[in-house]
N, C-alpha and C. Protein backbone atom coordinates (compact mmCIF):
# COMPACT_ATOMS: atom_id res chain seq x y z
N MET A 1 -31.64 1.69 1.95
CA MET A 1 -31.25 0.15 1.58
C MET A 1 -29.59 0.62 1.23
N ALA A 2 -29.11 -0.55 1.53
CA ALA A 2 -27.91 -0.72 1.91
C ALA A 2 -27.37 -1.55 0.51
N GLY A 3 -25.88 -0.76 -0.37
CA GLY A 3 -25.90 -1.84 -1.35
C GLY A 3 -25.59 -0.67 -2.48
N THR A 4 -24.93 -0.71 -3.49
CA THR A 4 -24.43 -0.34 -5.19
C THR A 4 -24.44 -1.27 -6.50
N ASP A 5 -24.75 -0.28 -7.17
CA ASP A 5 -24.77 -1.14 -8.21
C ASP A 5 -24.19 -0.70 -9.20
N ALA A 6 -22.84 0.17 -8.79
CA ALA A 6 -21.59 0.67 -9.21
C ALA A 6 -21.14 0.61 -9.84
N GLY A 7 -20.34 -1.07 -9.33
CA GLY A 7 -20.16 -2.13 -10.10
C GLY A 7 -18.31 -1.22 -10.68
N PHE A 8 -17.81 -1.04 -11.87
CA PHE A 8 -16.64 -0.58 -11.97
C PHE A 8 -16.70 0.59 -12.68
N LEU A 9 -17.61 1.25 -12.51
CA LEU A 9 -18.28 2.71 -12.95
C LEU A 9 -17.97 3.40 -11.52
N ASN A 10 -17.41 2.58 -10.44
CA ASN A 10 -16.88 3.45 -9.27
C ASN A 10 -15.99 3.11 -9.03
N SER A 11 -13.91 3.60 -9.12
CA SER A 11 -13.47 2.97 -8.38
C SER A 11 -12.70 3.48 -6.88
N PHE A 12 -14.29 4.32 -5.96
CA PHE A 12 -14.10 4.33 -4.59
C PHE A 12 -15.45 4.06 -3.92
N ASP A 13 -15.28 2.63 -4.62
CA ASP A 13 -16.55 2.20 -4.10
C ASP A 13 -15.93 0.40 -4.16
N TYR A 14 -15.97 -0.30 -2.90
CA TYR A 14 -15.36 -1.70 -3.21
C TYR A 14 -16.38 -2.65 -2.75
N PRO A 15 -16.61 -3.85 -3.46
CA PRO A 15 -18.04 -4.33 -3.29
C PRO A 15 -17.15 -5.45 -1.68
N GLY A 16 -18.25 -6.10 -0.48
CA GLY A 16 -17.68 -5.61 0.36
C GLY A 16 -17.12 -5.01 1.60
N ILE A 17 -16.39 -4.25 1.22
CA ILE A 17 -15.79 -3.36 1.92
C ILE A 17 -16.53 -2.32 2.30
N ALA A 18 -17.62 -2.29 1.09
CA ALA A 18 -17.85 -0.51 0.67
C ALA A 18 -19.32 -1.09 2.15
N LEU A 19 -19.48 -2.08 1.49
CA LEU A 19 -20.67 -2.69 2.44
C LEU A 19 -20.93 -1.98 4.30
N HIS A 20 -19.48 -2.48 4.64
CA HIS A 20 -19.31 -2.69 6.06
C HIS A 20 -19.85 -1.09 6.95
N ASP A 21 -18.84 -0.85 4.72
CA ASP A 21 -18.74 1.13 5.79
C ASP A 21 -19.77 1.47 6.38
N GLU A 22 -20.87 1.56 4.86
CA GLU A 22 -22.12 1.71 4.35
C GLU A 22 -23.32 1.84 6.03
N ILE A 23 -22.65 0.12 5.90
CA ILE A 23 -24.02 0.48 7.18
C ILE A 23 -23.05 0.80 8.63
N ALA A 24 -21.73 0.93 8.80
CA ALA A 24 -21.56 2.33 9.92
C ALA A 24 -22.28 3.03 9.74
N LEU A 25 -22.26 3.95 8.58
CA LEU A 25 -22.34 5.45 8.16
C LEU A 25 -23.54 4.99 8.82
N TYR A 26 -24.52 4.77 8.25
CA TYR A 26 -26.40 4.12 8.79
C TYR A 26 -26.60 4.37 10.54
N VAL A 27 -25.28 3.41 11.27
CA VAL A 27 -24.96 3.48 12.36
C VAL A 27 -24.82 4.88 12.69
N LYS A 28 -23.95 5.61 12.57
CA LYS A 28 -23.54 7.03 13.27
C LYS A 28 -24.07 7.98 12.75
N TYR A 29 -25.17 7.84 11.46
CA TYR A 29 -26.10 9.01 11.56
C TYR A 29 -27.48 8.57 12.15
N GLY A 30 -28.02 7.89 12.53
CA GLY A 30 -29.31 7.22 13.27
C GLY A 30 -29.77 6.26 13.92
N LEU A 31 -28.99 5.17 13.09
CA LEU A 31 -30.32 4.20 12.48
C LEU A 31 -29.62 3.33 14.36
N THR A 32 -30.48 1.90 14.03
CA THR A 32 -29.65 1.02 15.05
C THR A 32 -29.62 -0.11 14.82
N PRO A 33 -27.92 -0.85 15.07
CA PRO A 33 -27.42 -1.73 14.61
C PRO A 33 -28.32 -2.31 13.65
N ALA A 34 -29.49 -3.12 14.27
CA ALA A 34 -30.36 -4.25 13.45
C ALA A 34 -30.55 -3.11 12.02
N GLN A 35 -31.31 -1.22 12.37
CA GLN A 35 -32.19 -1.73 11.84
C GLN A 35 -30.80 -1.20 9.92
N ALA A 36 -29.86 -1.06 10.41
CA ALA A 36 -28.31 -0.92 9.59
C ALA A 36 -28.20 -2.14 8.71
N LEU A 37 -28.30 -3.45 9.35
CA LEU A 37 -28.03 -4.57 9.08
C LEU A 37 -29.55 -5.18 7.72
N GLN A 38 -30.66 -4.58 8.89
CA GLN A 38 -32.26 -4.85 8.35
C GLN A 38 -32.15 -4.43 6.51
N SER A 39 -30.82 -3.30 6.70
CA SER A 39 -31.44 -2.27 5.35
C SER A 39 -29.67 -2.89 4.21
N ALA A 40 -29.40 -4.01 4.88
CA ALA A 40 -28.75 -5.10 3.68
C ALA A 40 -29.04 -5.87 2.90
N VAL A 41 -29.63 -6.31 4.40
CA VAL A 41 -30.77 -8.12 3.68
C VAL A 41 -31.74 -7.99 3.45
N LEU A 42 -32.64 -7.20 3.88
CA LEU A 42 -34.23 -7.63 3.94
C LEU A 42 -34.57 -6.53 2.48
N ALA A 43 -33.95 -5.26 2.85
CA ALA A 43 -34.39 -4.75 2.44
C ALA A 43 -34.39 -4.85 0.66
N GLY A 44 -33.79 -5.38 0.02
CA GLY A 44 -33.69 -4.95 -1.59
C GLY A 44 -34.34 -6.47 -1.75
N PRO A 45 -34.06 -7.93 -0.60
CA PRO A 45 -35.63 -8.86 -1.74
C PRO A 45 -37.04 -7.89 -1.65
N ARG A 46 -37.21 -7.22 -0.50
CA ARG A 46 -38.69 -6.75 -0.21
C ARG A 46 -38.74 -5.61 -1.70
N LEU A 47 -37.96 -4.74 -2.22
CA LEU A 47 -38.22 -4.35 -3.53
C LEU A 47 -37.92 -4.56 -4.66
N LEU A 48 -37.75 -5.66 -4.85
CA LEU A 48 -38.14 -6.76 -6.23
C LEU A 48 -38.95 -7.66 -6.20
N GLY A 49 -39.17 -7.45 -4.89
CA GLY A 49 -40.19 -8.13 -4.62
C GLY A 49 -39.88 -10.19 -5.04
N LYS A 50 -38.60 -10.05 -4.12
CA LYS A 50 -37.84 -11.35 -4.10
C LYS A 50 -38.32 -12.05 -2.75
N SER A 51 -38.36 -12.33 -1.78
CA SER A 51 -38.45 -12.14 0.10
C SER A 51 -38.91 -14.03 0.34
N ASP A 52 -39.33 -14.27 -1.31
CA ASP A 52 -40.20 -15.74 -0.70
C ASP A 52 -38.72 -16.49 -1.38
N ARG A 53 -37.72 -15.74 -1.68
CA ARG A 53 -36.37 -16.64 -1.93
C ARG A 53 -35.11 -16.10 -1.37
N TYR A 54 -34.83 -14.91 -0.37
CA TYR A 54 -33.98 -14.04 0.01
C TYR A 54 -34.78 -13.10 1.18
N GLY A 55 -33.82 -12.88 1.79
CA GLY A 55 -34.00 -11.65 3.01
C GLY A 55 -33.71 -12.96 4.04
N SER A 56 -33.41 -14.14 4.58
CA SER A 56 -34.00 -15.12 5.90
C SER A 56 -33.69 -16.46 5.62
N ILE A 57 -33.35 -17.51 6.94
CA ILE A 57 -32.49 -18.41 6.54
C ILE A 57 -33.61 -18.71 7.01
N SER A 58 -34.15 -19.65 5.85
CA SER A 58 -35.10 -21.06 5.92
C SER A 58 -35.17 -21.76 4.20
N LYS A 59 -35.79 -22.59 5.08
CA LYS A 59 -35.98 -23.97 4.06
C LYS A 59 -36.51 -23.61 2.38
N ASN A 60 -35.90 -24.23 1.68
CA ASN A 60 -36.10 -23.47 0.39
C ASN A 60 -35.53 -22.30 -0.18
N LYS A 61 -35.13 -21.16 0.86
CA LYS A 61 -34.65 -20.29 0.65
C LYS A 61 -32.47 -19.82 0.22
N VAL A 62 -32.79 -18.95 -0.62
CA VAL A 62 -30.72 -19.04 -1.09
C VAL A 62 -31.00 -18.39 -0.30
N ALA A 63 -29.30 -19.17 0.34
CA ALA A 63 -28.55 -17.77 1.70
C ALA A 63 -27.19 -18.62 2.26
N ASP A 64 -26.43 -17.21 1.69
CA ASP A 64 -25.12 -16.81 1.88
C ASP A 64 -25.02 -16.64 3.09
N LEU A 65 -24.19 -17.22 4.28
CA LEU A 65 -24.10 -16.54 5.96
C LEU A 65 -23.07 -16.26 6.28
N LEU A 66 -22.64 -14.86 6.85
CA LEU A 66 -21.61 -14.15 7.01
C LEU A 66 -21.95 -14.29 8.52
N VAL A 67 -20.55 -15.46 9.10
CA VAL A 67 -20.56 -15.98 10.95
C VAL A 67 -19.87 -15.25 11.43
N LEU A 68 -20.35 -14.57 12.95
CA LEU A 68 -19.46 -12.71 12.65
C LEU A 68 -19.02 -13.91 14.17
N ASN A 69 -17.68 -13.34 14.79
CA ASN A 69 -16.83 -13.30 15.61
C ASN A 69 -17.23 -12.68 17.30
N ALA A 70 -18.38 -11.64 17.02
CA ALA A 70 -18.65 -10.41 17.96
C ALA A 70 -20.63 -10.62 17.57
N ASN A 71 -20.62 -9.44 18.05
CA ASN A 71 -22.65 -9.44 17.83
C ASN A 71 -22.77 -8.16 17.46
N PRO A 72 -22.74 -8.37 15.60
CA PRO A 72 -22.97 -6.65 15.86
C PRO A 72 -24.02 -5.66 15.93
N LEU A 73 -24.85 -5.87 16.75
CA LEU A 73 -26.18 -5.53 17.10
C LEU A 73 -25.71 -4.72 18.24
N LYS A 74 -24.31 -5.29 18.86
CA LYS A 74 -23.48 -4.23 20.62
C LYS A 74 -22.79 -3.05 19.46
N ASN A 75 -22.37 -4.10 18.20
CA ASN A 75 -21.28 -2.79 17.77
C ASN A 75 -21.09 -3.31 16.46
N ILE A 76 -21.80 -1.94 16.01
CA ILE A 76 -21.83 -2.67 13.87
C ILE A 76 -20.40 -3.45 13.73
N GLN A 77 -19.44 -2.50 14.08
CA GLN A 77 -17.47 -2.56 13.95
C GLN A 77 -17.88 -4.24 13.73
N ALA A 78 -18.33 -4.68 14.45
CA ALA A 78 -18.39 -6.82 14.69
C ALA A 78 -18.79 -7.71 12.69
N THR A 79 -20.03 -6.42 12.83
CA THR A 79 -19.30 -7.19 10.91
C THR A 79 -17.76 -7.16 10.29
N ARG A 80 -16.89 -6.48 10.48
CA ARG A 80 -15.84 -6.74 9.68
C ARG A 80 -14.80 -7.99 10.47
N ASP A 81 -15.76 -8.60 11.85
CA ASP A 81 -14.91 -9.60 12.80
C ASP A 81 -15.54 -10.73 11.83
N ILE A 82 -14.70 -11.43 10.98
CA ILE A 82 -15.70 -12.47 10.12
C ILE A 82 -15.30 -13.48 10.85
N TYR A 83 -15.39 -14.92 11.40
CA TYR A 83 -15.82 -16.57 11.85
C TYR A 83 -15.15 -16.95 10.26
N LEU A 84 -15.62 -16.28 9.67
CA LEU A 84 -16.20 -18.08 8.67
C LEU A 84 -18.02 -17.41 7.33
N VAL A 85 -17.49 -17.79 6.54
CA VAL A 85 -18.85 -17.46 5.21
C VAL A 85 -18.81 -18.55 4.85
N LEU A 86 -20.42 -18.49 4.40
CA LEU A 86 -21.09 -20.27 3.94
C LEU A 86 -21.61 -19.64 2.63
N SER A 87 -20.93 -19.80 1.04
CA SER A 87 -21.61 -19.10 0.45
C SER A 87 -21.87 -19.90 -0.41
N ARG A 88 -22.89 -20.54 -1.47
CA ARG A 88 -23.24 -20.83 -2.14
C ARG A 88 -23.31 -22.64 -1.99
N GLY A 89 -22.78 -22.94 -1.36
CA GLY A 89 -22.99 -24.32 -0.23
C GLY A 89 -21.65 -24.25 -0.18
N LYS A 90 -20.55 -23.05 -0.03
CA LYS A 90 -19.07 -23.91 0.39
C LYS A 90 -18.63 -23.01 1.43
N THR A 91 -17.65 -23.60 2.75
CA THR A 91 -17.20 -22.77 3.50
C THR A 91 -16.14 -22.39 3.51
N TYR A 92 -15.90 -21.24 4.38
CA TYR A 92 -14.63 -20.16 3.61
C TYR A 92 -13.98 -20.46 4.94
N ASP A 93 -13.65 -20.54 5.79
CA ASP A 93 -12.71 -19.93 7.43
C ASP A 93 -12.05 -18.35 6.64
N GLN A 94 -11.22 -18.45 7.70
CA GLN A 94 -10.45 -17.08 7.48
C GLN A 94 -8.58 -17.47 7.02
N ALA A 95 -8.58 -18.49 6.88
CA ALA A 95 -7.67 -19.04 6.12
C ALA A 95 -7.67 -18.73 4.94
N SER A 96 -8.94 -19.51 4.78
CA SER A 96 -9.44 -18.85 2.96
C SER A 96 -9.70 -18.09 2.39
N LEU A 97 -10.42 -17.07 3.44
CA LEU A 97 -10.24 -15.46 2.98
C LEU A 97 -9.35 -14.75 3.06
N LYS A 98 -8.51 -15.47 3.39
CA LYS A 98 -7.07 -14.24 3.22
C LYS A 98 -6.04 -14.68 2.85
N LYS A 99 -6.62 -16.20 2.12
CA LYS A 99 -5.99 -16.61 0.65
C LYS A 99 -6.29 -15.82 -0.89
N MET A 100 -7.74 -15.79 -0.80
CA MET A 100 -8.74 -15.23 -1.50
C MET A 100 -8.18 -13.24 -1.00
N LEU A 101 -7.94 -13.11 0.02
CA LEU A 101 -7.77 -11.64 0.30
C LEU A 101 -6.56 -11.43 -1.30
N ASN A 102 -5.29 -12.34 -0.28
CA ASN A 102 -4.18 -12.27 -0.71
C ASN A 102 -3.93 -12.19 -2.89
N ASP A 103 -4.80 -13.52 -2.10
CA ASP A 103 -4.46 -13.29 -4.13
C ASP A 103 -4.99 -12.45 -4.99
N THR A 104 -5.98 -11.75 -4.84
CA THR A 104 -6.50 -10.61 -5.76
C THR A 104 -5.58 -9.03 -5.25
N LYS A 105 -5.93 -9.51 -4.42
CA LYS A 105 -4.29 -8.10 -3.91
C LYS A 105 -2.74 -8.79 -4.88
N ASN A 106 -2.70 -9.62 -5.10
CA ASN A 106 -1.43 -9.91 -6.08
C ASN A 106 -1.37 -9.77 -7.44
N TRP A 107 -3.04 -10.31 -8.23
CA TRP A 107 -3.97 -10.36 -8.74
C TRP A 107 -3.79 -9.07 -9.75
N VAL A 108 -4.08 -7.84 -9.14
CA VAL A 108 -4.46 -5.81 -9.12
C VAL A 108 -3.43 -5.89 -9.47
N ALA A 109 -1.60 -6.22 -7.92
CA ALA A 109 -0.92 -5.70 -8.33
C ALA A 109 0.16 -6.23 -9.74
N ASN A 110 -0.14 -7.04 -9.73
CA ASN A 110 0.59 -8.33 -11.51
C ASN A 110 -0.44 -8.15 -12.15
N PRO A 111 -1.43 -7.69 -12.93
CA PRO A 111 -2.67 -8.03 -14.23
C PRO A 111 -1.15 -8.81 -15.08
N HIS A 112 -1.75 -9.75 -15.18
CA HIS A 112 -1.26 -11.11 -16.35
C HIS A 112 -1.84 -10.51 -18.13
């Protein structure tokens, strides 16, 4: 199952980026891209008994969507080539994602 709950206790694990790294390692060491993606999307809800609410796209389910520019089933690195994100009912295009990243970098460099 991909993902971590290490949070702030692990300064070497960065949410978002770490998941891309993790599923790429799964593929490197033998999983297919589909299996690696399933480990990040399906395994958690199954383990927690929440498949009725999470893990797929259908009516009455909670879903954040990552829309990619390329097919990760052909190359798992495509998960890093993000076109847009739909999260909690809001759309984040490449410009808004880049702004969020830059704002975060600036905040870390110059905490208030």
